[in-house]
Amino acid sequence: MDVKNRVAIIGAGLIGRSWAIVFAGGGFDVALYDVGFGINDPKAAAARVRLAANLADALDAVDLVQESLPESIETKRSIFSELDRLAAPEAVLASSTSTIVASLFTQSLMGRHRCLVAHPVNPPHLIPLVEIVGAPWTAPEIVAKAKAIYQAVGQAPIIVKREIEGFILNRLQAVLLSEAFRLVEDGYVTPQDLDKTLKDGLGLRWSFMGPFETIELNAPGGIPDYCRRYGASLSALSAANSAIYEGENLGRILAQWGKALTPDQVAARMRWRDRRLAALRLHNRSQPAD
């Protein structure tokens, strides 16, 4: 048999990557291809990856450590103790944890000021959001350095201003999923039609606008106007305190939003939104159903 010791792996999902490890470990040259990767120069990217002989070797002269071990406080405490001992003093120590706040596994470290959570969304090479969550003792300059590094590699970092269980994305997702399960369980809608409500409704705007910009463009007077019109009904539907849509609470949000638009500006942004939605609908129609 003529064996050239070369193999192509088409598709770089979990299974494709696993096969690549199998063949490469067995001495084969592996060509890995995935149409969705979006890497400008895959050969150069692969050349920048190496296998470290040990933890100290891996940490040599790095700017940032991205820990992605199992979701266990004991595991995090153990590895961060080693990371803090071996990594250069100026290196950022970041955990990919989606559930555990950094204060639970960094409190006893000498270098706890440089530790934080940098929670990605799976798969991070296609979904760029990274939630940066410092512990109470994380230095502001470390947060700023981490944000700059993630931005430099094309991610979209956000700063979670203080620790909260589940961070931001998972808390939003939890509320939406819980309500989806309730609506289906109580017989109001099928799971398929619930999904269509997001896919063909809310999700279209949410793919390029967040909830605050969405409501700003759904009333002529922007966010305050929207809250006056719909705050009471929204709070009733969600069992939330209606005070969140008025008074001091609303004032604090508007002060941070800092983009009070005139009615003419709202109308112009609505036209922008509609152009984006039309382009998105056209793109969706061009894609195969499955």
C-alpha atoms as a PDB file:
ATOM      1  CA  MET A   1       0.000   0.000   0.000  1.00  0.00           C
ATOM      2  CA  ASP A   2       1.309   3.444  -0.988  1.00  0.00           C
ATOM      3  CA  VAL A   3       0.905   5.600   2.140  1.00  0.00           C
ATOM      4  CA  LYS A   4       2.030   9.219   1.896  1.00  0.00           C
ATOM      5  CA  ASN A   5       1.411   9.987   5.593  1.00  0.00           C
ATOM      6  CA  ARG A   6      -0.796  12.983   4.767  1.00  0.00           C
ATOM      7  CA  VAL A   7      -4.446  13.474   5.644  1.00  0.00           C
ATOM      8  CA  ALA A   8      -7.045  16.195   5.165  1.00  0.00           C
ATOM      9  CA  ILE A   9      -9.583  16.986   7.869  1.00  0.00           C
ATOM     10  CA  ILE A  10     -12.601  18.850   6.496  1.00  0.00           C
ATOM     11  CA  GLY A  11     -14.517  20.653   9.205  1.00  0.00           C
ATOM     12  CA  ALA A  12     -12.827  21.944  12.317  1.00  0.00           C
ATOM     13  CA  GLY A  13     -15.538  21.299  14.888  1.00  0.00           C
ATOM     14  CA  LEU A  14     -14.971  19.228  17.986  1.00  0.00           C
ATOM     15  CA  ILE A  15     -14.746  15.965  16.063  1.00  0.00           C
ATOM     16  CA  GLY A  16     -12.560  17.403  13.293  1.00  0.00           C
ATOM     17  CA  ARG A  17     -10.108  18.841  15.777  1.00  0.00           C
ATOM     18  CA  SER A  18     -10.005  15.529  17.621  1.00  0.00           C
ATOM     19  CA  TRP A  19      -9.176  13.632  14.415  1.00  0.00           C
ATOM     20  CA  ALA A  20      -6.452  16.159  13.648  1.00  0.00           C
ATOM     21  CA  ILE A  21      -4.858  15.380  17.012  1.00  0.00           C
ATOM     22  CA  VAL A  22      -5.110  11.646  16.340  1.00  0.00           C
ATOM     23  CA  PHE A  23      -3.467  11.826  12.911  1.00  0.00           C
ATOM     24  CA  ALA A  24      -0.849  14.406  13.827  1.00  0.00           C
ATOM     25  CA  GLY A  25       0.056  12.385  16.916  1.00  0.00           C
ATOM     26  CA  GLY A  26       0.422   9.349  14.677  1.00  0.00           C
ATOM     27  CA  GLY A  27       3.000  11.041  12.454  1.00  0.00           C
ATOM     28  CA  PHE A  28       0.772  12.194   9.616  1.00  0.00           C
ATOM     29  CA  ASP A  29       0.872  15.643   8.033  1.00  0.00           C
ATOM     30  CA  VAL A  30      -2.586  17.105   8.607  1.00  0.00           C
ATOM     31  CA  ALA A  31      -4.389  19.682   6.469  1.00  0.00           C
ATOM     32  CA  LEU A  32      -7.292  21.094   8.457  1.00  0.00           C
ATOM     33  CA  TYR A  33      -9.976  23.037   6.595  1.00  0.00           C
ATOM     34  CA  ASP A  34     -13.121  24.765   7.788  1.00  0.00           C
ATOM     35  CA  VAL A  35     -15.010  27.275   5.677  1.00  0.00           C
ATOM     36  CA  GLY A  36     -16.253  29.111   8.742  1.00  0.00           C
ATOM     37  CA  PHE A  37     -12.928  29.903  10.361  1.00  0.00           C
ATOM     38  CA  GLY A  38     -12.385  33.242   8.700  1.00  0.00           C
ATOM     39  CA  ILE A  39      -8.613  33.276   9.261  1.00  0.00           C
ATOM     40  CA  ASN A  40      -6.836  35.422   6.672  1.00  0.00           C
ATOM     41  CA  ASP A  41      -3.641  33.351   6.728  1.00  0.00           C
ATOM     42  CA  PRO A  42      -4.270  29.883   8.225  1.00  0.00           C
ATOM     43  CA  LYS A  43      -0.698  28.697   7.556  1.00  0.00           C
ATOM     44  CA  ALA A  44       0.775  31.617   9.452  1.00  0.00           C
ATOM     45  CA  ALA A  45      -1.749  31.097  12.275  1.00  0.00           C
ATOM     46  CA  ALA A  46      -0.843  27.422  12.604  1.00  0.00           C
ATOM     47  CA  ALA A  47       2.855  28.275  12.614  1.00  0.00           C
ATOM     48  CA  ARG A  48       2.281  30.410  15.674  1.00  0.00           C
ATOM     49  CA  VAL A  49       0.968  27.494  17.737  1.00  0.00           C
ATOM     50  CA  ARG A  50       3.352  25.239  19.618  1.00  0.00           C
ATOM     51  CA  LEU A  51       3.052  22.480  22.183  1.00  0.00           C
ATOM     52  CA  ALA A  52       4.622  23.422  25.514  1.00  0.00           C
ATOM     53  CA  ALA A  53       6.723  20.861  27.355  1.00  0.00           C
ATOM     54  CA  ASN A  54       5.337  21.877  30.754  1.00  0.00           C
ATOM     55  CA  LEU A  55       3.471  24.658  32.503  1.00  0.00           C
ATOM     56  CA  ALA A  56       6.563  26.796  33.068  1.00  0.00           C
ATOM     57  CA  ASP A  57       7.433  26.496  29.385  1.00  0.00           C
ATOM     58  CA  ALA A  58       3.902  27.532  28.428  1.00  0.00           C
ATOM     59  CA  LEU A  59       4.063  30.625  30.641  1.00  0.00           C
ATOM     60  CA  ASP A  60       7.441  31.824  29.399  1.00  0.00           C
ATOM     61  CA  ALA A  61       7.265  35.556  28.571  1.00  0.00           C
ATOM     62  CA  VAL A  62       3.490  35.647  28.009  1.00  0.00           C
ATOM     63  CA  ASP A  63       1.332  38.755  28.318  1.00  0.00           C
ATOM     64  CA  LEU A  64      -1.856  36.876  29.158  1.00  0.00           C
ATOM     65  CA  VAL A  65      -2.771  33.399  30.396  1.00  0.00           C
ATOM     66  CA  GLN A  66      -6.201  32.069  29.360  1.00  0.00           C
ATOM     67  CA  GLU A  67      -7.143  29.208  31.696  1.00  0.00           C
ATOM     68  CA  SER A  68      -9.902  26.932  30.384  1.00  0.00           C
ATOM     69  CA  LEU A  69      -9.994  23.948  32.750  1.00  0.00           C
ATOM     70  CA  PRO A  70     -13.156  22.280  34.182  1.00  0.00           C
ATOM     71  CA  GLU A  71     -15.661  24.289  36.231  1.00  0.00           C
ATOM     72  CA  SER A  72     -14.434  23.480  39.721  1.00  0.00           C
ATOM     73  CA  ILE A  73     -13.385  25.953  42.417  1.00  0.00           C
ATOM     74  CA  GLU A  74     -10.734  23.514  43.643  1.00  0.00           C
ATOM     75  CA  THR A  75      -9.333  23.106  40.130  1.00  0.00           C
ATOM     76  CA  LYS A  76      -9.248  26.880  39.637  1.00  0.00           C
ATOM     77  CA  ARG A  77      -7.555  27.471  42.986  1.00  0.00           C
ATOM     78  CA  SER A  78      -4.915  24.863  42.248  1.00  0.00           C
ATOM     79  CA  ILE A  79      -4.042  26.045  38.752  1.00  0.00           C
ATOM     80  CA  PHE A  80      -4.118  29.746  39.621  1.00  0.00           C
ATOM     81  CA  SER A  81      -1.732  29.106  42.480  1.00  0.00           C
ATOM     82  CA  GLU A  82       0.673  27.618  39.941  1.00  0.00           C
ATOM     83  CA  LEU A  83       0.033  30.347  37.381  1.00  0.00           C
ATOM     84  CA  ASP A  84       0.691  33.047  39.964  1.00  0.00           C
ATOM     85  CA  ARG A  85       3.923  31.314  41.013  1.00  0.00           C
ATOM     86  CA  LEU A  86       5.297  30.716  37.519  1.00  0.00           C
ATOM     87  CA  ALA A  87       4.026  33.518  35.278  1.00  0.00           C
ATOM     88  CA  ALA A  88       5.877  36.798  34.914  1.00  0.00           C
ATOM     89  CA  PRO A  89       4.624  39.416  37.402  1.00  0.00           C
ATOM     90  CA  GLU A  90       3.137  41.589  34.661  1.00  0.00           C
ATOM     91  CA  ALA A  91       1.164  38.774  32.989  1.00  0.00           C
ATOM     92  CA  VAL A  92      -2.640  38.884  33.163  1.00  0.00           C
ATOM     93  CA  LEU A  93      -4.134  35.687  34.599  1.00  0.00           C
ATOM     94  CA  ALA A  94      -7.583  35.127  33.078  1.00  0.00           C
ATOM     95  CA  SER A  95     -10.098  32.313  33.546  1.00  0.00           C
ATOM     96  CA  SER A  96     -12.627  31.258  30.913  1.00  0.00           C
ATOM     97  CA  THR A  97     -15.071  30.134  33.616  1.00  0.00           C
ATOM     98  CA  SER A  98     -18.728  30.760  32.851  1.00  0.00           C
ATOM     99  CA  THR A  99     -19.979  30.379  36.426  1.00  0.00           C
ATOM    100  CA  ILE A 100     -17.312  31.037  39.085  1.00  0.00           C
ATOM    101  CA  VAL A 101     -16.361  34.571  40.098  1.00  0.00           C
ATOM    102  CA  ALA A 102     -12.623  35.230  40.429  1.00  0.00           C
ATOM    103  CA  SER A 103     -12.791  36.152  44.129  1.00  0.00           C
ATOM    104  CA  LEU A 104     -13.596  32.509  44.951  1.00  0.00           C
ATOM    105  CA  PHE A 105     -10.301  31.159  43.627  1.00  0.00           C
ATOM    106  CA  THR A 106      -7.799  34.047  43.775  1.00  0.00           C
ATOM    107  CA  GLN A 107      -8.268  35.468  47.278  1.00  0.00           C
ATOM    108  CA  SER A 108      -5.108  33.927  48.768  1.00  0.00           C
ATOM    109  CA  LEU A 109      -2.722  34.670  45.904  1.00  0.00           C
ATOM    110  CA  MET A 110       0.181  37.111  46.172  1.00  0.00           C
ATOM    111  CA  GLY A 111      -0.637  38.296  42.676  1.00  0.00           C
ATOM    112  CA  ARG A 112      -4.398  38.360  43.025  1.00  0.00           C
ATOM    113  CA  HIS A 113      -4.451  41.930  41.668  1.00  0.00           C
ATOM    114  CA  ARG A 114      -3.709  40.552  38.166  1.00  0.00           C
ATOM    115  CA  CYS A 115      -6.416  37.871  38.154  1.00  0.00           C
ATOM    116  CA  LEU A 116      -9.812  38.115  36.477  1.00  0.00           C
ATOM    117  CA  VAL A 117     -12.455  36.208  34.565  1.00  0.00           C
ATOM    118  CA  ALA A 118     -12.524  36.514  30.772  1.00  0.00           C
ATOM    119  CA  HIS A 119     -15.625  34.539  29.858  1.00  0.00           C
ATOM    120  CA  PRO A 120     -15.986  33.820  26.126  1.00  0.00           C
ATOM    121  CA  VAL A 121     -18.993  32.582  24.178  1.00  0.00           C
ATOM    122  CA  ASN A 122     -18.742  29.192  22.485  1.00  0.00           C
ATOM    123  CA  PRO A 123     -17.256  29.102  19.891  1.00  0.00           C
ATOM    124  CA  PRO A 124     -15.106  32.173  20.551  1.00  0.00           C
ATOM    125  CA  HIS A 125     -13.531  32.165  17.084  1.00  0.00           C
ATOM    126  CA  LEU A 126     -16.995  32.888  15.642  1.00  0.00           C
ATOM    127  CA  ILE A 127     -18.694  34.786  18.497  1.00  0.00           C
ATOM    128  CA  PRO A 128     -16.396  37.584  19.663  1.00  0.00           C
ATOM    129  CA  LEU A 129     -17.924  38.630  22.989  1.00  0.00           C
ATOM    130  CA  VAL A 130     -15.673  38.332  26.053  1.00  0.00           C
ATOM    131  CA  GLU A 131     -16.955  39.272  29.523  1.00  0.00           C
ATOM    132  CA  ILE A 132     -14.123  40.706  31.620  1.00  0.00           C
ATOM    133  CA  VAL A 133     -14.969  40.408  35.303  1.00  0.00           C
ATOM    134  CA  GLY A 134     -12.468  41.463  37.928  1.00  0.00           C
ATOM    135  CA  ALA A 135     -12.473  40.489  41.591  1.00  0.00           C
ATOM    136  CA  PRO A 136     -12.744  43.303  44.173  1.00  0.00           C
ATOM    137  CA  TRP A 137      -8.924  43.381  44.277  1.00  0.00           C
ATOM    138  CA  THR A 138      -8.241  43.236  40.538  1.00  0.00           C
ATOM    139  CA  ALA A 139      -6.203  46.290  39.516  1.00  0.00           C
ATOM    140  CA  PRO A 140      -7.925  48.630  37.014  1.00  0.00           C
ATOM    141  CA  GLU A 141      -4.816  48.659  34.842  1.00  0.00           C
ATOM    142  CA  ILE A 142      -5.014  44.857  34.580  1.00  0.00           C
ATOM    143  CA  VAL A 143      -8.627  45.087  33.405  1.00  0.00           C
ATOM    144  CA  ALA A 144      -7.586  47.722  30.857  1.00  0.00           C
ATOM    145  CA  LYS A 145      -4.659  45.593  29.660  1.00  0.00           C
ATOM    146  CA  ALA A 146      -6.869  42.529  29.239  1.00  0.00           C
ATOM    147  CA  LYS A 147      -9.460  44.534  27.317  1.00  0.00           C
ATOM    148  CA  ALA A 148      -6.779  45.874  24.967  1.00  0.00           C
ATOM    149  CA  ILE A 149      -5.393  42.380  24.315  1.00  0.00           C
ATOM    150  CA  TYR A 150      -8.804  40.910  23.465  1.00  0.00           C
ATOM    151  CA  GLN A 151      -9.610  43.853  21.213  1.00  0.00           C
ATOM    152  CA  ALA A 152      -6.270  43.440  19.452  1.00  0.00           C
ATOM    153  CA  VAL A 153      -7.180  39.878  18.436  1.00  0.00           C
ATOM    154  CA  GLY A 154     -10.604  40.843  17.130  1.00  0.00           C
ATOM    155  CA  GLN A 155     -12.766  40.028  20.135  1.00  0.00           C
ATOM    156  CA  ALA A 156     -15.492  42.288  21.565  1.00  0.00           C
ATOM    157  CA  PRO A 157     -14.775  42.620  25.301  1.00  0.00           C
ATOM    158  CA  ILE A 158     -17.212  44.129  27.789  1.00  0.00           C
ATOM    159  CA  ILE A 159     -16.412  45.169  31.355  1.00  0.00           C
ATOM    160  CA  VAL A 160     -18.615  43.746  34.111  1.00  0.00           C
ATOM    161  CA  LYS A 161     -18.233  46.467  36.737  1.00  0.00           C
ATOM    162  CA  ARG A 162     -18.542  44.189  39.764  1.00  0.00           C
ATOM    163  CA  GLU A 163     -18.873  40.478  40.395  1.00  0.00           C
ATOM    164  CA  ILE A 164     -22.249  38.832  39.909  1.00  0.00           C
ATOM    165  CA  GLU A 165     -23.092  35.141  39.580  1.00  0.00           C
ATOM    166  CA  GLY A 166     -23.500  34.115  35.945  1.00  0.00           C
ATOM    167  CA  PHE A 167     -22.047  37.417  34.712  1.00  0.00           C
ATOM    168  CA  ILE A 168     -24.158  39.269  32.100  1.00  0.00           C
ATOM    169  CA  LEU A 169     -24.718  37.005  29.094  1.00  0.00           C
ATOM    170  CA  ASN A 170     -25.772  33.956  31.082  1.00  0.00           C
ATOM    171  CA  ARG A 171     -28.134  35.984  33.273  1.00  0.00           C
ATOM    172  CA  LEU A 172     -29.865  37.388  30.193  1.00  0.00           C
ATOM    173  CA  GLN A 173     -29.959  33.954  28.597  1.00  0.00           C
ATOM    174  CA  ALA A 174     -31.314  32.363  31.784  1.00  0.00           C
ATOM    175  CA  VAL A 175     -34.298  34.731  31.944  1.00  0.00           C
ATOM    176  CA  LEU A 176     -35.157  34.231  28.276  1.00  0.00           C
ATOM    177  CA  LEU A 177     -34.777  30.438  28.426  1.00  0.00           C
ATOM    178  CA  SER A 178     -36.824  30.136  31.613  1.00  0.00           C
ATOM    179  CA  GLU A 179     -39.681  32.130  30.104  1.00  0.00           C
ATOM    180  CA  ALA A 180     -39.440  30.081  26.882  1.00  0.00           C
ATOM    181  CA  PHE A 181     -39.772  26.842  28.870  1.00  0.00           C
ATOM    182  CA  ARG A 182     -42.725  28.245  30.838  1.00  0.00           C
ATOM    183  CA  LEU A 183     -44.584  29.374  27.717  1.00  0.00           C
ATOM    184  CA  VAL A 184     -44.174  25.958  26.078  1.00  0.00           C
ATOM    185  CA  GLU A 185     -44.911  24.000  29.270  1.00  0.00           C
ATOM    186  CA  ASP A 186     -48.124  25.966  29.867  1.00  0.00           C
ATOM    187  CA  GLY A 187     -49.331  25.254  26.348  1.00  0.00           C
ATOM    188  CA  TYR A 188     -49.149  28.727  24.851  1.00  0.00           C
ATOM    189  CA  VAL A 189     -46.803  27.867  21.975  1.00  0.00           C
ATOM    190  CA  THR A 190     -44.834  24.986  20.474  1.00  0.00           C
ATOM    191  CA  PRO A 191     -41.035  24.861  20.871  1.00  0.00           C
ATOM    192  CA  GLN A 192     -40.696  25.323  17.110  1.00  0.00           C
ATOM    193  CA  ASP A 193     -42.823  28.478  17.056  1.00  0.00           C
ATOM    194  CA  LEU A 194     -41.053  29.791  20.134  1.00  0.00           C
ATOM    195  CA  ASP A 195     -37.759  29.460  18.264  1.00  0.00           C
ATOM    196  CA  LYS A 196     -39.255  31.209  15.230  1.00  0.00           C
ATOM    197  CA  THR A 197     -40.279  34.096  17.496  1.00  0.00           C
ATOM    198  CA  LEU A 198     -36.609  34.697  18.226  1.00  0.00           C
ATOM    199  CA  LYS A 199     -35.170  33.720  14.854  1.00  0.00           C
ATOM    200  CA  ASP A 200     -37.646  35.690  12.737  1.00  0.00           C
ATOM    201  CA  GLY A 201     -38.531  38.356  15.310  1.00  0.00           C
ATOM    202  CA  LEU A 202     -36.449  39.629  18.205  1.00  0.00           C
ATOM    203  CA  GLY A 203     -33.246  37.997  17.003  1.00  0.00           C
ATOM    204  CA  LEU A 204     -33.089  39.970  13.757  1.00  0.00           C
ATOM    205  CA  ARG A 205     -32.727  43.305  15.517  1.00  0.00           C
ATOM    206  CA  TRP A 206     -30.687  41.841  18.342  1.00  0.00           C
ATOM    207  CA  SER A 207     -28.074  40.582  15.862  1.00  0.00           C
ATOM    208  CA  PHE A 208     -26.807  44.147  15.447  1.00  0.00           C
ATOM    209  CA  MET A 209     -28.512  46.158  18.211  1.00  0.00           C
ATOM    210  CA  GLY A 210     -28.899  45.600  21.932  1.00  0.00           C
ATOM    211  CA  PRO A 211     -32.131  46.089  23.909  1.00  0.00           C
ATOM    212  CA  PHE A 212     -31.431  49.725  24.830  1.00  0.00           C
ATOM    213  CA  GLU A 213     -30.802  50.814  21.249  1.00  0.00           C
ATOM    214  CA  THR A 214     -33.775  48.738  20.125  1.00  0.00           C
ATOM    215  CA  ILE A 215     -36.218  50.548  22.416  1.00  0.00           C
ATOM    216  CA  GLU A 216     -34.614  53.925  21.659  1.00  0.00           C
ATOM    217  CA  LEU A 217     -35.672  53.470  18.044  1.00  0.00           C
ATOM    218  CA  ASN A 218     -39.167  52.206  18.881  1.00  0.00           C
ATOM    219  CA  ALA A 219     -40.502  55.552  20.146  1.00  0.00           C
ATOM    220  CA  PRO A 220     -40.154  59.031  18.582  1.00  0.00           C
ATOM    221  CA  GLY A 221     -38.693  60.493  21.794  1.00  0.00           C
ATOM    222  CA  GLY A 222     -36.167  57.719  22.378  1.00  0.00           C
ATOM    223  CA  ILE A 223     -35.720  55.714  25.571  1.00  0.00           C
ATOM    224  CA  PRO A 224     -37.610  58.064  27.963  1.00  0.00           C
ATOM    225  CA  ASP A 225     -40.560  58.162  25.559  1.00  0.00           C
ATOM    226  CA  TYR A 226     -40.542  54.365  25.221  1.00  0.00           C
ATOM    227  CA  CYS A 227     -40.509  53.920  28.998  1.00  0.00           C
ATOM    228  CA  ARG A 228     -43.422  56.322  29.431  1.00  0.00           C
ATOM    229  CA  ARG A 229     -45.436  54.466  26.814  1.00  0.00           C
ATOM    230  CA  TYR A 230     -44.622  50.854  27.686  1.00  0.00           C
ATOM    231  CA  GLY A 231     -42.906  50.704  31.085  1.00  0.00           C
ATOM    232  CA  ALA A 232     -46.022  49.774  33.022  1.00  0.00           C
ATOM    233  CA  SER A 233     -47.002  46.953  30.659  1.00  0.00           C
ATOM    234  CA  LEU A 234     -43.434  45.616  30.503  1.00  0.00           C
ATOM    235  CA  SER A 235     -43.144  45.498  34.269  1.00  0.00           C
ATOM    236  CA  ALA A 236     -46.516  43.742  34.531  1.00  0.00           C
ATOM    237  CA  LEU A 237     -45.520  41.101  31.988  1.00  0.00           C
ATOM    238  CA  SER A 238     -42.177  40.438  33.667  1.00  0.00           C
ATOM    239  CA  ALA A 239     -43.300  40.820  37.299  1.00  0.00           C
ATOM    240  CA  ALA A 240     -40.629  43.522  37.672  1.00  0.00           C
ATOM    241  CA  ASN A 241     -40.913  46.635  39.792  1.00  0.00           C
ATOM    242  CA  SER A 242     -42.332  49.369  37.539  1.00  0.00           C
ATOM    243  CA  ALA A 243     -39.935  51.843  39.181  1.00  0.00           C
ATOM    244  CA  ILE A 244     -37.076  50.540  37.011  1.00  0.00           C
ATOM    245  CA  TYR A 245     -38.660  52.327  34.042  1.00  0.00           C
ATOM    246  CA  GLU A 246     -39.029  55.745  35.669  1.00  0.00           C
ATOM    247  CA  GLY A 247     -37.602  58.326  38.043  1.00  0.00           C
ATOM    248  CA  GLU A 248     -34.093  57.953  39.436  1.00  0.00           C
ATOM    249  CA  ASN A 249     -33.571  54.467  38.007  1.00  0.00           C
ATOM    250  CA  LEU A 250     -34.317  55.643  34.486  1.00  0.00           C
ATOM    251  CA  GLY A 251     -32.238  58.767  35.072  1.00  0.00           C
ATOM    252  CA  ARG A 252     -29.155  56.729  35.982  1.00  0.00           C
ATOM    253  CA  ILE A 253     -29.498  54.647  32.815  1.00  0.00           C
ATOM    254  CA  LEU A 254     -29.940  57.718  30.633  1.00  0.00           C
ATOM    255  CA  ALA A 255     -26.888  59.375  32.232  1.00  0.00           C
ATOM    256  CA  GLN A 256     -24.775  56.351  31.288  1.00  0.00           C
ATOM    257  CA  TRP A 257     -26.352  56.004  27.845  1.00  0.00           C
ATOM    258  CA  GLY A 258     -25.355  59.556  27.066  1.00  0.00           C
ATOM    259  CA  LYS A 259     -26.886  59.641  23.615  1.00  0.00           C
ATOM    260  CA  ALA A 260     -30.147  61.585  23.931  1.00  0.00           C
ATOM    261  CA  LEU A 261     -31.349  61.797  20.331  1.00  0.00           C
ATOM    262  CA  THR A 262     -33.692  64.363  18.835  1.00  0.00           C
ATOM    263  CA  PRO A 263     -36.798  63.063  17.026  1.00  0.00           C
ATOM    264  CA  ASP A 264     -35.042  63.732  13.698  1.00  0.00           C
ATOM    265  CA  GLN A 265     -32.011  61.726  14.835  1.00  0.00           C
ATOM    266  CA  VAL A 266     -34.262  58.890  16.000  1.00  0.00           C
ATOM    267  CA  ALA A 267     -35.927  58.881  12.568  1.00  0.00           C
ATOM    268  CA  ALA A 268     -32.525  58.771  10.837  1.00  0.00           C
ATOM    269  CA  ARG A 269     -31.376  55.868  13.001  1.00  0.00           C
ATOM    270  CA  MET A 270     -34.639  54.061  12.280  1.00  0.00           C
ATOM    271  CA  ARG A 271     -33.864  54.321   8.564  1.00  0.00           C
ATOM    272  CA  TRP A 272     -30.386  52.929   9.268  1.00  0.00           C
ATOM    273  CA  ARG A 273     -31.943  50.060  11.253  1.00  0.00           C
ATOM    274  CA  ASP A 274     -34.360  49.276   8.447  1.00  0.00           C
ATOM    275  CA  ARG A 275     -31.540  49.166   5.874  1.00  0.00           C
ATOM    276  CA  ARG A 276     -29.630  46.733   8.084  1.00  0.00           C
ATOM    277  CA  LEU A 277     -32.728  44.578   8.558  1.00  0.00           C
ATOM    278  CA  ALA A 278     -33.395  44.515   4.804  1.00  0.00           C
ATOM    279  CA  ALA A 279     -29.797  43.456   4.142  1.00  0.00           C
ATOM    280  CA  LEU A 280     -30.037  40.773   6.821  1.00  0.00           C
ATOM    281  CA  ARG A 281     -33.295  39.407   5.394  1.00  0.00           C
ATOM    282  CA  LEU A 282     -31.682  39.281   1.946  1.00  0.00           C
ATOM    283  CA  HIS A 283     -28.658  37.436   3.348  1.00  0.00           C
ATOM    284  CA  ASN A 284     -30.859  34.938   5.232  1.00  0.00           C
ATOM    285  CA  ARG A 285     -32.850  34.168   2.072  1.00  0.00           C
ATOM    286  CA  SER A 286     -29.606  33.424   0.222  1.00  0.00           C
ATOM    287  CA  GLN A 287     -28.548  30.743   2.726  1.00  0.00           C
ATOM    288  CA  PRO A 288     -29.546  27.050   2.496  1.00  0.00           C
ATOM    289  CA  ALA A 289     -32.311  25.992   4.869  1.00  0.00           C
ATOM    290  CA  ASP A 290     -30.191  23.198   6.385  1.00  0.00           C
END
